[in-house]
Amino acid sequence: MGVRNYLIEGVSGSGKTSVATELQRRGYDVIHGDRELAYKGDPETGEPLIGSPQTGGCADVGFAHWHHLWNVDKVKSLIADQSHPISFFCGGSRNLHRFIGLFNAIFVLDVDADTVSNRLASRPEDEFGGTPAERDFVLRLHATQGDIPKNATSIDATAPLASVVDDLLSRCGERR
């Protein structure tokens, strides 16, 4: 994808998809990881879980979350293709430890609990975070920051979307 590759992470409802869409609108190469790279699998081995739901709706919300992985070989292949000057990978992965070192920098979209709650309340039930049980789970994750990468650069994602993306791009050395 890019000579420089950046990961944009954050809890559900932090704005990863909105940021990705705005980056694409501005002409940047973007991988929507949760759409293009994700599957349910064993976080240690990467083996796909046979018969496991691929989207929300799993009876065990925690299981669905902790087994949400990205295809490591595909991530590596996309990063190896340096046909673009900069690329953004947006989304969350529980096997991040297998490829985090390939990125030039990691950014975490940071929002307060009320913002997360309000954003998730507007989601349809078939999208992760759209059910009350999933919202409660996400709010617990938000409180503990249990699945947020360490040593990531925090971006205030409560600001207007254009400002969030401007901040992100400036931290990547991109001029307006």
Foldseek 3Di string as FASTA:
>chain_A
DAPAEEEEEEFPLLQLVVLQVVCVVVPAAEAAQLPPFWAFDDLPPRHGDPPDDGFPPPPDLVNNVLRIAGDLVVVVVVLVPHPHHYYYYTYAHNNCVSCVVSHPAYEYRDDDLVSSLVSLCPDDPRHQSVDPVRVVVRSVCNVVVVRPDPPHHYFHSVDPSVVSNCVVCVVVVHDD
